[in-house]
């Protein structure tokens, strides 16, 4: 396995995946865009150092973490409240810490002040993330940034810089790995290159702290420490997978050092509950419910009073275990469809059988999620939870976990359907229907392909194309929220990817396949039906594509490299609409 060439098809398991294949950058290299863009057109902007027009600019300022302006004075008594906010808004997605110990350390810092031990470093990182995070609110789409957001960023930067000054003195331990992990979470949503470096340090520290232990060492380890090591391993697995989907990065040894446990061990449930019964989410492709770890009968006290006030620990772990399993399925999809060049997808019959299997798996997962993850549903728009759920104390946490899990399912589906949308764009077998707003019927589609494939395959292909378009619209709707979280950068990348895929459909002359002929994408005004152009009006500044560009513009205030995404998307919209208009004339 170690000697496998990454250019060849990766191993069939979920550890190894080809990098940077299912991304917006790759879509820009599709033939429909006529070699106008390179593989690094978008992602390259994140790794380019921009030098301001200032003769006093010091190139070394990019080599250290600094606070814009000055370090704020730290109020240690405020740290406990910020750590609680971190537990509620951030830790729920990666429950890798000993919460009781973290709360105790925060109280100690509040009483005795900061020192240079790992505990203080972790408290500072938790405080930084606590300041910058907010409870989930689905109605933040039109929210404008105000001065309080800037002040929060500056305060958070202070805690982060103070934590970074302590990172260099940490020895290899599980707490050291946790510090590097959450230092990476701080920058996750925009600073992709810095985040990867911090992630690699996390993995390096973890390899010393949590190397494969002997039987005697396992016996001596406390269950709490063992659970933290397992959780850190699988969180690193998730992070590396996320990085390699979007960035052209090498595979680390983590993919070859298979963990003995298929899942991290969740804490023991409260009396009268059985986590194994509630987590009815057995992974279809890897053995079912038997893969989900059983919990110990012993009672692990995790500051239950404080936790019950902040969030429901069971919900957090349901989400965490489900996301790990869905990441495996997603990696298998990437291995199955993206090990080759996209042009191989023109032989689409070869992929239909695999697509049916994965589509069935994802549908089964979606249908059998735990009740805790069903507070949130996605269709063509986000729906609010019912009024009874809305009265619960943990409503914002439950909403965010359900929303994030729905995004993970949409992401996996978008990878699954991308080859079929590529086929629609590039196959000469599909007639162009630019002059009508009506989608071709399944019967007509099957008839057009009579000489190329069986009717059964043609019907399946038709459904995958329709599902791919619907999935793309759902992603534009659900992943364009101005909600700061450690997966924000991936939300922006996903929105860009599906936007480009949809514009590829427009440019290739297949706009009729889109709902309402693409009107919802750019919200056409003054439709000219007389000249045969009932949909190709507007400049993309409105509608769902306009919303995507608005989101990029919003976050570009903090990450100027995102301006490149706006420029490219505007170019693609203009050229695609112009090409479609030429095809119909």
Protein backbone atom coordinates (compact mmCIF):
# COMPACT_ATOMS: atom_id res chain seq x y z
CA UNK A 1 0.00 0.00 0.00
CA UNK A 2 2.82 2.41 0.87
CA UNK A 3 4.32 1.95 -2.56
CA UNK A 4 1.17 2.84 -4.42
CA UNK A 5 1.49 5.63 -6.93
CA UNK A 6 -1.04 8.34 -6.24
CA UNK A 7 -1.65 8.92 -9.92
CA UNK A 8 -3.04 5.40 -10.20
CA UNK A 9 -6.37 4.41 -8.79
CA UNK A 10 -6.17 4.60 -4.98
CA UNK A 11 -6.89 1.71 -2.68
CA UNK A 12 -10.52 0.73 -2.33
CA UNK A 13 -10.74 1.69 1.32
CA UNK A 14 -11.68 5.11 2.65
CA UNK A 15 -8.27 6.23 3.91
CA UNK A 16 -6.66 7.11 0.59
CA UNK A 17 -8.26 9.61 -1.77
CA UNK A 18 -6.94 11.43 -4.86
CA UNK A 19 -6.39 15.11 -4.00
CA UNK A 20 -8.04 18.19 -5.50
CA UNK A 21 -10.27 16.37 -7.99
CA UNK A 22 -13.89 17.24 -7.06
CA UNK A 23 -13.33 20.97 -6.74
CA UNK A 24 -14.30 24.24 -8.36
CA UNK A 25 -10.76 24.48 -9.77
CA UNK A 26 -11.21 21.16 -11.58
CA UNK A 27 -14.60 22.21 -12.97
CA UNK A 28 -12.91 25.27 -14.49
CA UNK A 29 -10.66 22.92 -16.50
CA UNK A 30 -13.63 21.16 -18.13
CA UNK A 31 -13.50 21.37 -21.95
CA UNK A 32 -16.64 23.52 -22.03
CA UNK A 33 -14.56 26.41 -20.63
CA UNK A 34 -12.03 26.05 -23.48
CA UNK A 35 -8.80 26.03 -21.42
CA UNK A 36 -9.48 29.52 -20.10
CA UNK A 37 -8.49 28.55 -16.55
CA UNK A 38 -5.86 26.42 -14.84
CA UNK A 39 -6.15 23.84 -12.07
CA UNK A 40 -4.99 26.44 -9.52
CA UNK A 41 -7.03 29.42 -10.71
CA UNK A 42 -9.02 29.71 -7.50
CA UNK A 43 -7.14 27.87 -4.80
CA UNK A 44 -3.81 29.42 -5.80
CA UNK A 45 -5.01 32.81 -4.61
CA UNK A 46 -5.01 31.55 -1.01
CA UNK A 47 -1.28 30.78 -1.15
CA UNK A 48 -0.03 33.96 -2.80
CA UNK A 49 1.50 36.58 -0.54
CA UNK A 50 0.05 39.96 -1.42
CA UNK A 51 2.39 42.89 -0.87
CA UNK A 52 0.58 46.18 -0.25
CA UNK A 53 1.59 49.34 -2.05
CA UNK A 54 3.55 50.60 0.92
CA UNK A 55 7.27 51.23 0.89
CA UNK A 56 7.41 50.52 4.63
CA UNK A 57 5.90 47.05 4.27
CA UNK A 58 7.99 44.42 6.04
CA UNK A 59 7.93 40.98 4.33
CA UNK A 60 8.56 39.30 7.68
CA UNK A 61 5.18 40.40 9.03
CA UNK A 62 3.55 37.45 7.26
CA UNK A 63 5.73 35.02 9.19
CA UNK A 64 4.20 35.55 12.64
CA UNK A 65 0.68 35.74 14.02
CA UNK A 66 -0.09 39.30 15.03
CA UNK A 67 -3.05 41.29 16.28
CA UNK A 68 -4.38 44.07 14.09
CA UNK A 69 -3.61 47.16 16.11
CA UNK A 70 -2.46 45.94 19.52
CA UNK A 71 -2.92 43.21 22.11
CA UNK A 72 -5.94 43.77 24.29
CA UNK A 73 -5.69 43.43 28.03
CA UNK A 74 -6.93 39.99 29.06
CA UNK A 75 -9.66 39.76 31.64
CA UNK A 76 -9.04 36.30 33.12
CA UNK A 77 -12.38 36.33 34.91
CA UNK A 78 -14.13 36.46 31.53
CA UNK A 79 -12.38 33.33 30.24
CA UNK A 80 -14.74 30.86 31.92
CA UNK A 81 -17.75 32.35 30.15
CA UNK A 82 -15.91 32.31 26.82
CA UNK A 83 -14.93 28.67 27.31
CA UNK A 84 -18.59 27.83 27.91
CA UNK A 85 -19.47 29.60 24.67
CA UNK A 86 -16.76 27.56 22.93
CA UNK A 87 -18.25 24.33 24.27
CA UNK A 88 -21.68 25.32 23.01
CA UNK A 89 -20.77 26.71 19.58
CA UNK A 90 -17.55 24.92 18.54
CA UNK A 91 -16.78 21.83 20.57
CA UNK A 92 -20.10 20.21 19.67
CA UNK A 93 -18.77 19.43 16.16
CA UNK A 94 -15.51 17.86 17.36
CA UNK A 95 -15.97 16.64 20.96
CA UNK A 96 -12.33 15.70 21.48
CA UNK A 97 -11.69 17.35 24.86
CA UNK A 98 -12.14 16.36 28.48
CA UNK A 99 -14.82 18.97 29.13
CA UNK A 100 -14.68 18.65 32.90
CA UNK A 101 -10.92 19.27 32.86
CA UNK A 102 -11.25 22.24 30.50
CA UNK A 103 -13.87 23.92 32.70
CA UNK A 104 -11.73 23.29 35.76
CA UNK A 105 -8.67 24.79 34.03
CA UNK A 106 -10.69 27.83 32.96
CA UNK A 107 -11.79 28.40 36.55
CA UNK A 108 -8.21 28.00 37.73
CA UNK A 109 -6.99 30.60 35.21
CA UNK A 110 -9.77 32.94 36.32
CA UNK A 111 -8.60 32.58 39.92
CA UNK A 112 -4.81 32.49 39.55
CA UNK A 113 -4.08 33.94 36.12
CA UNK A 114 -2.43 32.58 32.98
CA UNK A 115 0.75 30.55 33.02
CA UNK A 116 2.78 28.71 30.35
CA UNK A 117 1.36 25.24 30.81
CA UNK A 118 -0.63 23.46 28.08
CA UNK A 119 -3.83 23.99 30.06
CA UNK A 120 -3.54 27.78 29.76
CA UNK A 121 -2.81 27.48 26.04
CA UNK A 122 -5.93 25.37 25.53
CA UNK A 123 -8.06 27.77 27.60
CA UNK A 124 -6.83 30.72 25.49
CA UNK A 125 -7.64 28.89 22.25
CA UNK A 126 -11.08 27.96 23.54
CA UNK A 127 -11.63 31.58 24.56
CA UNK A 128 -10.55 32.83 21.12
CA UNK A 129 -13.01 30.49 19.43
CA UNK A 130 -15.66 31.35 22.00
CA UNK A 131 -15.37 35.05 21.22
CA UNK A 132 -15.51 34.63 17.46
CA UNK A 133 -18.35 32.08 17.42
CA UNK A 134 -22.05 32.82 17.65
CA UNK A 135 -25.12 30.66 18.23
CA UNK A 136 -26.49 29.33 14.97
CA UNK A 137 -29.07 31.61 13.38
CA UNK A 138 -30.43 30.68 9.93
CA UNK A 139 -31.68 34.23 9.39
CA UNK A 140 -28.23 35.84 9.11
CA UNK A 141 -28.18 35.84 5.30
CA UNK A 142 -28.84 39.57 5.02
CA UNK A 143 -27.00 40.57 8.15
CA UNK A 144 -24.56 43.43 7.77
CA UNK A 145 -21.25 43.47 9.56
CA UNK A 146 -21.10 46.03 12.32
CA UNK A 147 -18.43 47.39 14.64
CA UNK A 148 -19.15 44.77 17.30
CA UNK A 149 -17.96 42.04 14.90
CA UNK A 150 -14.69 43.91 14.38
CA UNK A 151 -14.22 44.30 18.14
CA UNK A 152 -14.91 40.60 18.66
CA UNK A 153 -12.30 39.71 16.04
CA UNK A 154 -9.70 41.89 17.71
CA UNK A 155 -10.41 40.38 21.12
CA UNK A 156 -10.27 36.87 19.67
CA UNK A 157 -6.96 37.65 17.95
CA UNK A 158 -5.50 38.65 21.31
CA UNK A 159 -6.34 35.29 22.86
CA UNK A 160 -5.09 33.45 19.78
CA UNK A 161 -1.73 35.25 19.68
CA UNK A 162 -1.19 34.65 23.40
CA UNK A 163 -1.96 30.97 22.82
CA UNK A 164 0.47 30.80 19.88
CA UNK A 165 3.25 32.12 22.13
CA UNK A 166 2.73 29.01 24.25
CA UNK A 167 2.48 26.47 21.43
CA UNK A 168 6.23 26.38 20.83
CA UNK A 169 6.97 25.27 24.38
CA UNK A 170 4.56 22.33 24.44
CA UNK A 171 5.85 18.78 24.66
CA UNK A 172 4.25 15.92 22.74
CA UNK A 173 1.10 14.99 24.59
CA UNK A 174 -2.59 14.58 23.94
CA UNK A 175 -3.16 18.11 25.27
CA UNK A 176 -0.49 19.45 22.91
CA UNK A 177 -2.25 17.79 19.96
CA UNK A 178 -5.54 19.30 21.10
CA UNK A 179 -3.95 22.76 21.20
CA UNK A 180 -2.67 22.51 17.64
CA UNK A 181 -6.00 21.10 16.49
CA UNK A 182 -8.02 24.03 17.80
CA UNK A 183 -5.39 26.51 16.63
CA UNK A 184 -6.15 25.11 13.19
CA UNK A 185 -9.89 25.41 13.78
CA UNK A 186 -9.36 29.14 14.42
CA UNK A 187 -8.10 29.69 10.87
CA UNK A 188 -10.07 26.94 9.18
CA UNK A 189 -12.52 29.08 7.31
CA UNK A 190 -10.11 31.29 5.35
CA UNK A 191 -6.41 30.65 6.00
CA UNK A 192 -6.18 27.27 4.29
CA UNK A 193 -2.38 27.11 4.06
CA UNK A 194 -1.77 28.07 7.70
CA UNK A 195 -4.45 25.65 8.83
CA UNK A 196 -2.79 22.73 7.06
CA UNK A 197 0.53 23.48 8.75
CA UNK A 198 -1.16 23.53 12.15
CA UNK A 199 -3.01 20.33 11.29
CA UNK A 200 0.28 18.60 10.39
CA UNK A 201 1.69 19.64 13.77
CA UNK A 202 -1.44 18.23 15.40
CA UNK A 203 -0.92 14.90 13.67
CA UNK A 204 2.81 14.91 14.50
CA UNK A 205 2.11 15.50 18.19
CA UNK A 206 -0.62 12.89 18.16
CA UNK A 207 1.73 10.32 16.62
CA UNK A 208 3.92 10.62 19.73
CA UNK A 209 1.14 10.94 22.28
CA UNK A 210 -1.20 8.35 20.81
CA UNK A 211 1.00 5.87 18.96
CA UNK A 212 -0.37 2.34 18.78
CA UNK A 213 -0.16 1.29 22.46
CA UNK A 214 0.69 -2.13 23.81
CA UNK A 215 -1.88 -4.23 25.66
CA UNK A 216 -0.27 -3.24 28.96
CA UNK A 217 -0.41 0.45 28.07
CA UNK A 218 -4.06 0.15 27.08
CA UNK A 219 -4.84 -1.43 30.44
CA UNK A 220 -3.12 1.40 32.29
CA UNK A 221 -4.76 4.17 30.30
CA UNK A 222 -7.82 5.79 31.74
CA UNK A 223 -10.95 5.48 29.65
CA UNK A 224 -11.15 9.25 29.36
CA UNK A 225 -7.62 9.58 27.92
CA UNK A 226 -8.19 6.68 25.54
CA UNK A 227 -11.43 8.27 24.35
CA UNK A 228 -9.64 11.58 23.73
CA UNK A 229 -6.90 9.88 21.70
CA UNK A 230 -9.45 8.03 19.57
CA UNK A 231 -11.42 11.22 18.98
CA UNK A 232 -8.28 13.15 18.03
CA UNK A 233 -7.30 10.44 15.54
CA UNK A 234 -10.68 10.49 13.81
CA UNK A 235 -10.89 14.28 13.86
CA UNK A 236 -7.49 14.38 12.15
CA UNK A 237 -8.75 11.80 9.66
CA UNK A 238 -11.74 14.03 8.88
CA UNK A 239 -9.54 17.12 8.58
CA UNK A 240 -7.04 15.49 6.24
CA UNK A 241 -9.85 14.19 4.04
CA UNK A 242 -11.41 17.67 3.87
CA UNK A 243 -8.08 19.26 3.00
CA UNK A 244 -7.23 16.79 0.28
CA UNK A 245 -10.61 17.10 -1.39
CA UNK A 246 -10.04 20.84 -1.88
CA UNK A 247 -6.26 21.31 -1.89
CA UNK A 248 -3.42 19.68 -3.89
CA UNK A 249 -1.71 18.25 -0.81
CA UNK A 250 0.24 15.01 -0.31
CA UNK A 251 -1.11 12.03 1.58
CA UNK A 252 0.25 11.75 5.11
CA UNK A 253 1.12 8.57 6.95
CA UNK A 254 -2.19 8.84 8.79
CA UNK A 255 -3.81 6.98 5.89
CA UNK A 256 -1.53 4.00 6.44
CA UNK A 257 -1.67 3.90 10.24
CA UNK A 258 -5.14 2.39 10.50
CA UNK A 259 -6.72 2.83 13.91
CA UNK A 260 -7.90 -0.26 15.74
CA UNK A 261 -11.30 1.33 16.41
CA UNK A 262 -13.63 2.14 13.51
CA UNK A 263 -15.21 4.91 15.62
CA UNK A 264 -14.13 6.89 18.68
CA UNK A 265 -15.75 5.63 21.88
CA UNK A 266 -18.55 7.95 23.01
CA UNK A 267 -19.00 8.75 26.70
CA UNK A 268 -21.40 6.58 28.65
CA UNK A 269 -25.02 7.72 28.26
CA UNK A 270 -27.05 9.00 31.15
CA UNK A 271 -29.05 6.50 33.14
CA UNK A 272 -32.01 5.08 31.28
CA UNK A 273 -30.53 5.77 27.84
CA UNK A 274 -28.73 3.45 25.51
CA UNK A 275 -26.52 5.15 22.96
CA UNK A 276 -26.37 2.04 20.84
CA UNK A 277 -30.16 2.05 20.46
CA UNK A 278 -30.27 5.75 19.63
CA UNK A 279 -27.44 5.71 17.12
CA UNK A 280 -29.36 3.69 14.57
CA UNK A 281 -27.08 4.82 11.78
CA UNK A 282 -25.17 1.71 10.79
CA UNK A 283 -22.91 2.35 7.84
CA UNK A 284 -24.37 0.44 4.92
CA UNK A 285 -21.09 0.00 3.14
CA UNK A 286 -18.94 -1.16 6.05
CA UNK A 287 -20.86 -3.58 8.15
CA UNK A 288 -23.84 -1.71 9.57
CA UNK A 289 -24.56 -0.95 13.20
CA UNK A 290 -21.92 -3.36 14.43
CA UNK A 291 -19.30 -0.75 13.48
CA UNK A 292 -20.68 1.75 15.98
CA UNK A 293 -18.78 1.43 19.25
CA UNK A 294 -20.59 0.29 22.31
CA UNK A 295 -20.20 2.34 25.45
CA UNK A 296 -18.96 1.32 28.85
CA UNK A 297 -21.38 0.64 31.66
CA UNK A 298 -19.32 2.73 34.03
CA UNK A 299 -20.45 6.27 34.68
CA UNK A 300 -18.06 8.91 33.29
CA UNK A 301 -18.86 12.18 34.99
CA UNK A 302 -18.37 15.03 32.53
CA UNK A 303 -19.55 18.04 34.44
CA UNK A 304 -23.14 17.04 33.77
CA UNK A 305 -24.74 20.14 35.29
CA UNK A 306 -22.73 22.57 33.14
CA UNK A 307 -23.08 20.43 30.03
CA UNK A 308 -26.85 20.07 30.30
CA UNK A 309 -27.07 23.85 30.42
CA UNK A 310 -24.86 24.32 27.35
CA UNK A 311 -25.80 21.49 24.98
CA UNK A 312 -26.91 17.87 24.81
CA UNK A 313 -23.79 15.73 24.76
CA UNK A 314 -25.60 12.81 23.13
CA UNK A 315 -26.65 14.99 20.19
CA UNK A 316 -23.07 16.16 19.76
CA UNK A 317 -21.79 12.59 19.64
CA UNK A 318 -24.56 11.43 17.33
CA UNK A 319 -23.47 14.14 14.93
CA UNK A 320 -19.77 13.35 15.36
CA UNK A 321 -20.11 9.61 14.75
CA UNK A 322 -22.44 10.16 11.81
CA UNK A 323 -20.08 12.65 10.21
CA UNK A 324 -17.16 10.23 10.49
CA UNK A 325 -19.20 7.51 8.81
CA UNK A 326 -20.42 9.87 6.08
CA UNK A 327 -16.84 10.97 5.50
CA UNK A 328 -15.97 7.34 4.77
CA UNK A 329 -18.77 7.07 2.23
CA UNK A 330 -17.71 10.38 0.68
CA UNK A 331 -14.13 9.17 0.39
CA UNK A 332 -15.30 5.98 -1.30
CA UNK A 333 -17.31 8.03 -3.78
CA UNK A 334 -14.23 10.11 -4.60
CA UNK A 335 -12.13 6.97 -4.98
CA UNK A 336 -14.70 5.39 -7.27
CA UNK A 337 -15.38 8.36 -9.56
CA UNK A 338 -12.43 10.75 -9.35
CA UNK A 339 -9.41 8.47 -9.72
CA UNK A 340 -9.49 9.13 -13.48
CA UNK A 341 -9.60 12.16 -15.74
CA UNK A 342 -13.10 13.64 -16.19
CA UNK A 343 -13.15 12.76 -19.88
CA UNK A 344 -13.51 9.10 -18.87
CA UNK A 345 -16.99 10.00 -17.58
CA UNK A 346 -18.20 10.18 -21.17
CA UNK A 347 -18.34 6.37 -20.95
CA UNK A 348 -21.04 6.93 -18.37
CA UNK A 349 -22.58 3.44 -18.42
CA UNK A 350 -19.49 2.19 -16.58
CA UNK A 351 -20.43 4.30 -13.53
CA UNK A 352 -24.17 3.72 -13.31
CA UNK A 353 -23.98 0.58 -11.16
CA UNK A 354 -21.67 2.21 -8.61
CA UNK A 355 -23.82 5.32 -8.55
CA UNK A 356 -26.93 3.28 -7.77
CA UNK A 357 -25.16 1.64 -4.81
CA UNK A 358 -23.91 4.90 -3.33
CA UNK A 359 -27.21 6.66 -3.93
CA UNK A 360 -28.97 3.89 -2.01
CA UNK A 361 -26.49 4.18 0.85
CA UNK A 362 -26.91 7.93 1.16
CA UNK A 363 -30.68 7.64 0.99
CA UNK A 364 -30.60 5.03 3.76
CA UNK A 365 -28.45 7.27 5.95
CA UNK A 366 -30.72 10.22 5.39
CA UNK A 367 -33.81 8.17 6.25
CA UNK A 368 -32.38 6.54 9.38
CA UNK A 369 -30.65 9.44 11.11
CA UNK A 370 -31.21 9.60 14.87
CA UNK A 371 -34.14 11.70 16.00
CA UNK A 372 -31.70 14.21 17.48
CA UNK A 373 -30.50 14.98 13.96
CA UNK A 374 -33.97 15.42 12.49
CA UNK A 375 -34.68 18.82 14.05
CA UNK A 376 -33.55 20.29 10.78
CA UNK A 377 -34.69 19.44 7.26
CA UNK A 378 -33.62 20.68 3.87
CA UNK A 379 -35.63 20.69 0.68
CA UNK A 380 -35.53 23.59 -1.74
CA UNK A 381 -35.16 25.89 1.27
CA UNK A 382 -34.26 25.63 4.93
CA UNK A 383 -37.21 24.90 7.19
CA UNK A 384 -37.34 25.97 10.80
CA UNK A 385 -37.75 23.28 13.46
CA UNK A 386 -41.20 22.87 14.94
CA UNK A 387 -42.36 25.31 17.60
CA UNK A 388 -41.92 22.85 20.46
CA UNK A 389 -38.31 22.25 19.55
CA UNK A 390 -37.78 25.98 19.22
CA UNK A 391 -38.55 26.38 22.92
CA UNK A 392 -35.69 24.12 23.97
CA UNK A 393 -32.56 25.55 25.56
CA UNK A 394 -30.28 23.75 23.13
CA UNK A 395 -32.27 24.74 20.07
CA UNK A 396 -29.45 26.68 18.38
CA UNK A 397 -27.04 23.78 18.93
CA UNK A 398 -29.53 21.23 17.61
CA UNK A 399 -30.25 23.42 14.60
CA UNK A 400 -26.58 23.80 13.77
CA UNK A 401 -25.80 20.10 14.10
CA UNK A 402 -28.75 19.16 11.90
CA UNK A 403 -27.81 21.85 9.38
CA UNK A 404 -24.17 20.75 9.28
CA UNK A 405 -25.16 17.11 8.82
CA UNK A 406 -27.52 18.04 5.98
CA UNK A 407 -24.60 19.88 4.37
CA UNK A 408 -22.42 16.78 4.65
CA UNK A 409 -25.07 14.70 2.89
CA UNK A 410 -25.43 17.33 0.16
CA UNK A 411 -21.67 17.42 -0.27
CA UNK A 412 -21.43 13.65 -0.76
CA UNK A 413 -24.34 13.75 -3.20
CA UNK A 414 -22.73 16.56 -5.20
CA UNK A 415 -19.62 14.41 -5.68
CA UNK A 416 -21.77 11.45 -6.69
CA UNK A 417 -23.72 13.42 -9.30
CA UNK A 418 -20.87 15.49 -10.75
CA UNK A 419 -19.83 12.88 -13.37
CA UNK A 420 -23.39 12.78 -14.72
CA UNK A 421 -23.58 16.56 -15.02
CA UNK A 422 -20.21 16.49 -16.81
CA UNK A 423 -21.70 13.97 -19.23
CA UNK A 424 -24.71 16.23 -19.83
CA UNK A 425 -22.42 19.16 -20.60
CA UNK A 426 -20.02 17.35 -22.93
CA UNK A 427 -21.78 14.36 -24.46
CA UNK A 428 -22.72 14.73 -28.15
CA UNK A 429 -25.63 12.36 -27.51
CA UNK A 430 -27.74 15.00 -25.75
CA UNK A 431 -29.60 17.43 -28.04
CA UNK A 432 -29.28 21.10 -27.11
CA UNK A 433 -32.56 22.75 -26.22
CA UNK A 434 -31.62 26.38 -25.61
CA UNK A 435 -34.80 27.84 -27.07
CA UNK A 436 -37.21 26.30 -24.61
CA UNK A 437 -37.68 26.55 -20.87
CA UNK A 438 -39.14 23.05 -20.68
CA UNK A 439 -36.92 20.25 -19.43
CA UNK A 440 -36.77 17.20 -21.74
CA UNK A 441 -39.05 14.43 -20.54
CA UNK A 442 -37.61 11.13 -19.40
CA UNK A 443 -39.39 9.39 -22.28
CA UNK A 444 -37.81 11.72 -24.83
CA UNK A 445 -34.39 11.37 -23.20
CA UNK A 446 -34.58 7.56 -23.28
CA UNK A 447 -35.69 7.68 -26.90
CA UNK A 448 -32.71 9.86 -27.88
CA UNK A 449 -30.32 7.32 -26.33
CA UNK A 450 -31.92 4.17 -27.74
CA UNK A 451 -28.86 3.35 -29.86
CA UNK A 452 -26.36 4.10 -27.08
CA UNK A 453 -27.61 2.31 -23.95
CA UNK A 454 -30.46 0.29 -22.53
CA UNK A 455 -33.68 1.97 -21.52
CA UNK A 456 -33.01 1.06 -17.88
CA UNK A 457 -29.59 2.74 -17.96
CA UNK A 458 -30.99 5.77 -19.75
CA UNK A 459 -33.72 6.22 -17.14
CA UNK A 460 -31.16 5.92 -14.33
CA UNK A 461 -28.91 8.44 -16.07
CA UNK A 462 -31.83 10.85 -16.45
CA UNK A 463 -32.63 10.63 -12.73
CA UNK A 464 -28.98 11.20 -11.74
CA UNK A 465 -28.81 14.31 -13.92
CA UNK A 466 -32.02 15.70 -12.41
CA UNK A 467 -30.84 14.82 -8.89
CA UNK A 468 -27.50 16.51 -9.55
CA UNK A 469 -29.15 19.75 -10.63
CA UNK A 470 -31.54 19.70 -7.66
CA UNK A 471 -28.63 18.99 -5.29
CA UNK A 472 -26.71 21.95 -6.72
CA UNK A 473 -29.65 24.27 -6.12
CA UNK A 474 -30.01 23.00 -2.55
CA UNK A 475 -26.33 23.67 -1.87
CA UNK A 476 -26.69 27.24 -3.09
CA UNK A 477 -29.62 27.66 -0.74
CA UNK A 478 -28.38 25.94 2.41
CA UNK A 479 -24.64 26.68 2.40
CA UNK A 480 -24.84 30.43 1.81
CA UNK A 481 -25.38 31.59 5.38
CA UNK A 482 -23.30 34.28 7.06
CA UNK A 483 -22.64 32.02 9.97
CA UNK A 484 -19.04 31.87 11.17
CA UNK A 485 -17.93 28.31 11.85
CA UNK A 486 -14.86 26.20 11.24
CA UNK A 487 -16.31 24.72 8.05
CA UNK A 488 -17.10 28.08 6.45
CA UNK A 489 -14.26 27.93 3.91
CA UNK A 490 -15.62 24.61 2.66
CA UNK A 491 -19.12 26.09 2.37
CA UNK A 492 -17.73 28.82 0.14
CA UNK A 493 -15.80 26.32 -1.97
CA UNK A 494 -18.84 24.08 -2.36
CA UNK A 495 -21.05 26.98 -3.43
CA UNK A 496 -18.48 28.03 -6.02
CA UNK A 497 -18.16 24.49 -7.37
CA UNK A 498 -21.87 23.95 -7.97
CA UNK A 499 -22.22 27.48 -9.38
CA UNK A 500 -19.59 26.67 -11.99
CA UNK A 501 -21.20 23.32 -12.79
CA UNK A 502 -24.56 25.01 -13.35
CA UNK A 503 -22.97 27.65 -15.57
CA UNK A 504 -21.26 24.88 -17.54
CA UNK A 505 -24.74 23.49 -18.23
CA UNK A 506 -25.82 26.95 -19.42
CA UNK A 507 -22.75 27.44 -21.62
CA UNK A 508 -23.15 24.04 -23.27
CA UNK A 509 -26.66 24.94 -24.41
CA UNK A 510 -28.61 22.84 -21.93
CA UNK A 511 -30.26 25.64 -19.95
CA UNK A 512 -33.64 24.00 -20.44
CA UNK A 513 -32.56 21.32 -17.95
CA UNK A 514 -32.47 23.93 -15.17
CA UNK A 515 -35.61 24.84 -13.19
CA UNK A 516 -37.40 27.74 -14.90
CA UNK A 517 -34.66 27.87 -17.51
CA UNK A 518 -32.15 29.20 -15.00
CA UNK A 519 -34.19 32.22 -13.90
CA UNK A 520 -33.62 31.42 -10.22
CA UNK A 521 -29.88 31.56 -10.77
CA UNK A 522 -29.76 35.17 -11.90
CA UNK A 523 -33.37 36.33 -11.35
CA UNK A 524 -33.97 37.60 -14.86
CA UNK A 525 -35.75 40.90 -15.35
CA UNK A 526 -37.73 42.17 -18.36
CA UNK A 527 -37.90 38.78 -20.01
CA UNK A 528 -37.81 39.00 -23.79
CA UNK A 529 -39.99 36.16 -25.01
CA UNK A 530 -40.53 37.67 -28.46
CA UNK A 531 -36.93 37.17 -29.55
CA UNK A 532 -36.84 33.62 -28.22
CA UNK A 533 -34.79 34.49 -25.13
CA UNK A 534 -37.11 33.80 -22.19
CA UNK A 535 -34.35 33.23 -19.64
CA UNK A 536 -30.93 34.49 -20.71
CA UNK A 537 -31.37 37.95 -19.27
CA UNK A 538 -29.63 39.52 -16.29
CA UNK A 539 -26.00 39.84 -15.26
CA UNK A 540 -25.86 37.38 -12.37
CA UNK A 541 -25.97 40.12 -9.76
CA UNK A 542 -29.36 38.88 -8.59
CA UNK A 543 -30.78 35.49 -7.73
CA UNK A 544 -28.82 32.63 -6.23
CA UNK A 545 -25.58 33.35 -8.04
CA UNK A 546 -25.78 36.94 -6.87
CA UNK A 547 -26.21 35.62 -3.35
CA UNK A 548 -23.07 33.51 -3.72
CA UNK A 549 -21.05 36.51 -4.86
CA UNK A 550 -22.49 38.58 -2.01
CA UNK A 551 -21.33 35.98 0.49
CA UNK A 552 -17.83 36.00 -1.01
CA UNK A 553 -17.82 39.79 -0.85
CA UNK A 554 -18.90 39.71 2.79
CA UNK A 555 -16.07 37.41 3.87
CA UNK A 556 -13.52 39.03 1.53
CA UNK A 557 -13.30 41.84 4.08
CA UNK A 558 -11.31 39.42 6.21
CA UNK A 559 -9.83 37.31 3.41
CA UNK A 560 -8.98 39.45 0.35
CA UNK A 561 -8.04 36.35 -1.68
CA UNK A 562 -11.77 35.63 -1.97
CA UNK A 563 -12.03 38.58 -4.36
CA UNK A 564 -10.51 36.27 -6.95
CA UNK A 565 -13.50 33.94 -6.63
CA UNK A 566 -15.92 36.81 -7.34
CA UNK A 567 -13.97 37.89 -10.41
CA UNK A 568 -13.86 34.39 -11.86
CA UNK A 569 -17.53 33.69 -11.20
CA UNK A 570 -18.55 36.95 -12.88
CA UNK A 571 -16.41 36.06 -15.91
CA UNK A 572 -17.93 32.59 -16.13
CA UNK A 573 -21.48 33.95 -15.86
CA UNK A 574 -20.87 36.50 -18.62
CA UNK A 575 -19.20 34.07 -21.02
CA UNK A 576 -21.70 31.30 -20.33
CA UNK A 577 -24.77 33.47 -20.94
CA UNK A 578 -23.17 34.92 -24.08
CA UNK A 579 -22.35 31.44 -25.38
CA UNK A 580 -25.89 30.21 -24.73
CA UNK A 581 -27.34 33.24 -26.52
CA UNK A 582 -25.11 32.55 -29.53
CA UNK A 583 -26.24 28.94 -29.64
CA UNK A 584 -29.91 29.91 -29.84
CA UNK A 585 -29.45 32.60 -32.48
